[in-house]
Amino acid sequence: MVLAALAALVGTLLVGNELAVATFIHPSLWRIDDLSHRRVAREVATTLGRWAPPLYAASTLCIGAAAWLNHSTALWVAAGAWVLASVFSAVFPAPLNARIATWDPENPPEDWQAMRHRWDRWHLGRTLWLLAAQALVMCALIR
């Protein structure tokens, strides 16, 4: 029971963070001047780049452990979805995020806006995927 609650809590916190980035933080960056945008993007990339990997791992492990203990097919599917999201993150947005974190806001790469838009698209897709996976976790745990 405690592990199931932890799986719900950690996953929901991570999805909430990712949703806030996708719907509030990053869209707001596009409404401010470019230099401020790059400065904030660099700081956000640095902070989230540090915290996201352990949170993704913790969420996946908690959901997988809850699936194993509860013999729940729905939780196994959700854990698989979290694994896929983690692999996608490691292959696509994370390397780009690492580059953004090293930018000099005063002298950005020429294609900085294209990179930011690409990251935003990848992030939105990942966030929607995780939202569906976490909804499955919550439905399985309520049942």
C-alpha atoms as a PDB file:
ATOM      1  CA  MET A   1       0.000   0.000   0.000  1.00  0.00           C
ATOM      2  CA  VAL A   2       2.804   2.440   0.875  1.00  0.00           C
ATOM      3  CA  LEU A   3       4.633   1.626  -2.354  1.00  0.00           C
ATOM      4  CA  ALA A   4       1.478   2.203  -4.388  1.00  0.00           C
ATOM      5  CA  ALA A   5       1.007   5.586  -2.715  1.00  0.00           C
ATOM      6  CA  LEU A   6       4.646   6.441  -3.398  1.00  0.00           C
ATOM      7  CA  ALA A   7       4.237   5.440  -7.053  1.00  0.00           C
ATOM      8  CA  ALA A   8       1.198   7.704  -7.308  1.00  0.00           C
ATOM      9  CA  LEU A   9       2.914  10.584  -5.536  1.00  0.00           C
ATOM     10  CA  VAL A  10       6.274  10.555  -7.330  1.00  0.00           C
ATOM     11  CA  GLY A  11       4.731  10.011 -10.765  1.00  0.00           C
ATOM     12  CA  THR A  12       2.119  12.697 -10.255  1.00  0.00           C
ATOM     13  CA  LEU A  13       4.713  15.210  -9.055  1.00  0.00           C
ATOM     14  CA  LEU A  14       6.894  14.546 -12.089  1.00  0.00           C
ATOM     15  CA  VAL A  15       3.995  14.744 -14.536  1.00  0.00           C
ATOM     16  CA  GLY A  16       2.813  17.948 -12.858  1.00  0.00           C
ATOM     17  CA  ASN A  17       6.256  19.474 -13.258  1.00  0.00           C
ATOM     18  CA  GLU A  18       6.498  18.429 -16.900  1.00  0.00           C
ATOM     19  CA  LEU A  19       3.004  19.774 -17.570  1.00  0.00           C
ATOM     20  CA  ALA A  20       3.882  23.122 -15.945  1.00  0.00           C
ATOM     21  CA  VAL A  21       6.989  23.395 -18.121  1.00  0.00           C
ATOM     22  CA  ALA A  22       5.028  22.549 -21.279  1.00  0.00           C
ATOM     23  CA  THR A  23       1.999  24.740 -20.637  1.00  0.00           C
ATOM     24  CA  PHE A  24       3.222  27.671 -18.537  1.00  0.00           C
ATOM     25  CA  ILE A  25       6.983  28.116 -18.285  1.00  0.00           C
ATOM     26  CA  HIS A  26       8.195  27.560 -21.827  1.00  0.00           C
ATOM     27  CA  PRO A  27       5.287  29.300 -23.574  1.00  0.00           C
ATOM     28  CA  SER A  28       5.994  32.304 -21.331  1.00  0.00           C
ATOM     29  CA  LEU A  29       9.613  32.353 -22.493  1.00  0.00           C
ATOM     30  CA  TRP A  30       8.485  32.947 -26.066  1.00  0.00           C
ATOM     31  CA  ARG A  31       6.722  36.142 -24.945  1.00  0.00           C
ATOM     32  CA  ILE A  32       9.805  37.840 -23.474  1.00  0.00           C
ATOM     33  CA  ASP A  33      12.859  39.311 -25.194  1.00  0.00           C
ATOM     34  CA  ASP A  34      15.330  36.865 -26.725  1.00  0.00           C
ATOM     35  CA  LEU A  35      18.210  37.509 -24.325  1.00  0.00           C
ATOM     36  CA  SER A  36      16.003  36.963 -21.261  1.00  0.00           C
ATOM     37  CA  HIS A  37      14.527  33.880 -22.914  1.00  0.00           C
ATOM     38  CA  ARG A  38      17.992  32.380 -23.421  1.00  0.00           C
ATOM     39  CA  ARG A  39      19.091  33.207 -19.878  1.00  0.00           C
ATOM     40  CA  VAL A  40      16.026  31.619 -18.288  1.00  0.00           C
ATOM     41  CA  ALA A  41      16.109  28.636 -20.677  1.00  0.00           C
ATOM     42  CA  ARG A  42      19.726  27.975 -19.718  1.00  0.00           C
ATOM     43  CA  GLU A  43      18.913  28.042 -15.985  1.00  0.00           C
ATOM     44  CA  VAL A  44      15.811  25.883 -16.361  1.00  0.00           C
ATOM     45  CA  ALA A  45      17.744  23.412 -18.532  1.00  0.00           C
ATOM     46  CA  THR A  46      20.495  23.208 -15.923  1.00  0.00           C
ATOM     47  CA  THR A  47      18.130  22.635 -13.003  1.00  0.00           C
ATOM     48  CA  LEU A  48      15.772  20.216 -14.723  1.00  0.00           C
ATOM     49  CA  GLY A  49      18.699  18.407 -16.327  1.00  0.00           C
ATOM     50  CA  ARG A  50      19.998  17.679 -12.834  1.00  0.00           C
ATOM     51  CA  TRP A  51      16.699  16.570 -11.278  1.00  0.00           C
ATOM     52  CA  ALA A  52      14.811  14.856 -14.102  1.00  0.00           C
ATOM     53  CA  PRO A  53      16.912  11.661 -14.420  1.00  0.00           C
ATOM     54  CA  PRO A  54      16.576  10.578 -10.777  1.00  0.00           C
ATOM     55  CA  LEU A  55      12.871  11.493 -10.747  1.00  0.00           C
ATOM     56  CA  TYR A  56      12.213   9.499 -13.918  1.00  0.00           C
ATOM     57  CA  ALA A  57      14.106   6.533 -12.459  1.00  0.00           C
ATOM     58  CA  ALA A  58      12.282   6.763  -9.116  1.00  0.00           C
ATOM     59  CA  SER A  59       8.885   6.972 -10.817  1.00  0.00           C
ATOM     60  CA  THR A  60       9.599   4.018 -13.069  1.00  0.00           C
ATOM     61  CA  LEU A  61      10.944   1.888 -10.225  1.00  0.00           C
ATOM     62  CA  CYS A  62       8.035   2.696  -7.910  1.00  0.00           C
ATOM     63  CA  ILE A  63       5.444   1.927 -10.584  1.00  0.00           C
ATOM     64  CA  GLY A  64       7.248  -1.272 -11.589  1.00  0.00           C
ATOM     65  CA  ALA A  65       7.499  -2.400  -7.972  1.00  0.00           C
ATOM     66  CA  ALA A  66       3.815  -1.611  -7.393  1.00  0.00           C
ATOM     67  CA  ALA A  67       2.956  -3.633 -10.527  1.00  0.00           C
ATOM     68  CA  TRP A  68       5.008  -6.572  -9.293  1.00  0.00           C
ATOM     69  CA  LEU A  69       3.520  -6.501  -5.796  1.00  0.00           C
ATOM     70  CA  ASN A  70      -0.059  -5.977  -6.987  1.00  0.00           C
ATOM     71  CA  HIS A  71       0.133  -8.355  -9.982  1.00  0.00           C
ATOM     72  CA  SER A  72      -1.450  -5.573 -12.024  1.00  0.00           C
ATOM     73  CA  THR A  73      -1.369  -5.651 -15.823  1.00  0.00           C
ATOM     74  CA  ALA A  74      -2.384  -1.986 -15.952  1.00  0.00           C
ATOM     75  CA  LEU A  75       0.557  -1.025 -13.735  1.00  0.00           C
ATOM     76  CA  TRP A  76       2.941  -3.097 -15.880  1.00  0.00           C
ATOM     77  CA  VAL A  77       1.695  -1.245 -18.967  1.00  0.00           C
ATOM     78  CA  ALA A  78       2.160   2.053 -17.148  1.00  0.00           C
ATOM     79  CA  ALA A  79       5.676   1.067 -16.046  1.00  0.00           C
ATOM     80  CA  GLY A  80       6.473   0.170 -19.651  1.00  0.00           C
ATOM     81  CA  ALA A  81       5.187   3.558 -20.768  1.00  0.00           C
ATOM     82  CA  TRP A  82       7.455   5.242 -18.192  1.00  0.00           C
ATOM     83  CA  VAL A  83      10.425   3.206 -19.467  1.00  0.00           C
ATOM     84  CA  LEU A  84       9.681   4.277 -23.052  1.00  0.00           C
ATOM     85  CA  ALA A  85       9.384   7.909 -21.962  1.00  0.00           C
ATOM     86  CA  SER A  86      12.698   7.635 -20.116  1.00  0.00           C
ATOM     87  CA  VAL A  87      14.463   6.140 -23.149  1.00  0.00           C
ATOM     88  CA  PHE A  88      12.923   8.773 -25.433  1.00  0.00           C
ATOM     89  CA  SER A  89      14.079  11.472 -23.007  1.00  0.00           C
ATOM     90  CA  ALA A  90      17.627  10.144 -22.912  1.00  0.00           C
ATOM     91  CA  VAL A  91      17.842   9.954 -26.710  1.00  0.00           C
ATOM     92  CA  PHE A  92      16.088  13.152 -27.802  1.00  0.00           C
ATOM     93  CA  PRO A  93      15.358  16.013 -25.394  1.00  0.00           C
ATOM     94  CA  ALA A  94      18.094  15.323 -22.807  1.00  0.00           C
ATOM     95  CA  PRO A  95      21.072  15.806 -25.169  1.00  0.00           C
ATOM     96  CA  LEU A  96      19.487  18.979 -26.537  1.00  0.00           C
ATOM     97  CA  ASN A  97      18.748  20.123 -22.991  1.00  0.00           C
ATOM     98  CA  ALA A  98      22.422  19.591 -22.113  1.00  0.00           C
ATOM     99  CA  ARG A  99      23.432  21.814 -25.040  1.00  0.00           C
ATOM    100  CA  ILE A 100      20.970  24.532 -24.002  1.00  0.00           C
ATOM    101  CA  ALA A 101      22.394  24.442 -20.480  1.00  0.00           C
ATOM    102  CA  THR A 102      25.836  25.376 -21.837  1.00  0.00           C
ATOM    103  CA  TRP A 103      24.740  28.260 -24.058  1.00  0.00           C
ATOM    104  CA  ASP A 104      26.210  31.697 -23.633  1.00  0.00           C
ATOM    105  CA  PRO A 105      23.007  33.788 -23.702  1.00  0.00           C
ATOM    106  CA  GLU A 106      24.945  36.690 -25.224  1.00  0.00           C
ATOM    107  CA  ASN A 107      26.296  34.546 -28.104  1.00  0.00           C
ATOM    108  CA  PRO A 108      23.814  31.737 -28.777  1.00  0.00           C
ATOM    109  CA  PRO A 109      24.031  29.278 -31.647  1.00  0.00           C
ATOM    110  CA  GLU A 110      22.584  30.679 -34.843  1.00  0.00           C
ATOM    111  CA  ASP A 111      19.739  28.154 -34.800  1.00  0.00           C
ATOM    112  CA  TRP A 112      18.901  28.542 -31.090  1.00  0.00           C
ATOM    113  CA  GLN A 113      15.207  29.210 -31.730  1.00  0.00           C
ATOM    114  CA  ALA A 114      14.852  26.108 -33.897  1.00  0.00           C
ATOM    115  CA  MET A 115      16.520  24.034 -31.155  1.00  0.00           C
ATOM    116  CA  ARG A 116      14.194  25.471 -28.512  1.00  0.00           C
ATOM    117  CA  HIS A 117      11.122  24.793 -30.668  1.00  0.00           C
ATOM    118  CA  ARG A 118      12.317  21.223 -31.277  1.00  0.00           C
ATOM    119  CA  TRP A 119      12.816  20.694 -27.535  1.00  0.00           C
ATOM    120  CA  ASP A 120       9.353  22.124 -26.816  1.00  0.00           C
ATOM    121  CA  ARG A 121       7.712  19.739 -29.325  1.00  0.00           C
ATOM    122  CA  TRP A 122       9.558  16.718 -27.933  1.00  0.00           C
ATOM    123  CA  HIS A 123       8.724  17.778 -24.404  1.00  0.00           C
ATOM    124  CA  LEU A 124       5.015  18.244 -25.136  1.00  0.00           C
ATOM    125  CA  GLY A 125       4.790  14.786 -26.718  1.00  0.00           C
ATOM    126  CA  ARG A 126       6.613  13.211 -23.782  1.00  0.00           C
ATOM    127  CA  THR A 127       4.398  15.077 -21.303  1.00  0.00           C
ATOM    128  CA  LEU A 128       1.179  13.893 -22.955  1.00  0.00           C
ATOM    129  CA  TRP A 129       2.554  10.324 -22.999  1.00  0.00           C
ATOM    130  CA  LEU A 130       3.423  10.532 -19.289  1.00  0.00           C
ATOM    131  CA  LEU A 131       0.056  12.071 -18.452  1.00  0.00           C
ATOM    132  CA  ALA A 132      -1.692   9.097 -20.054  1.00  0.00           C
ATOM    133  CA  ALA A 133       0.655   6.660 -18.280  1.00  0.00           C
ATOM    134  CA  GLN A 134       0.083   8.327 -14.924  1.00  0.00           C
ATOM    135  CA  ALA A 135      -3.685   8.319 -15.473  1.00  0.00           C
ATOM    136  CA  LEU A 136      -3.380   4.568 -15.999  1.00  0.00           C
ATOM    137  CA  VAL A 137      -1.385   4.286 -12.753  1.00  0.00           C
ATOM    138  CA  MET A 138      -4.036   6.208 -10.836  1.00  0.00           C
ATOM    139  CA  CYS A 139      -6.919   4.180 -12.331  1.00  0.00           C
ATOM    140  CA  ALA A 140      -5.126   0.917 -11.526  1.00  0.00           C
ATOM    141  CA  LEU A 141      -4.441   1.990  -7.950  1.00  0.00           C
ATOM    142  CA  ILE A 142      -7.998   3.197  -7.336  1.00  0.00           C
ATOM    143  CA  ARG A 143      -9.443  -0.102  -8.587  1.00  0.00           C
END
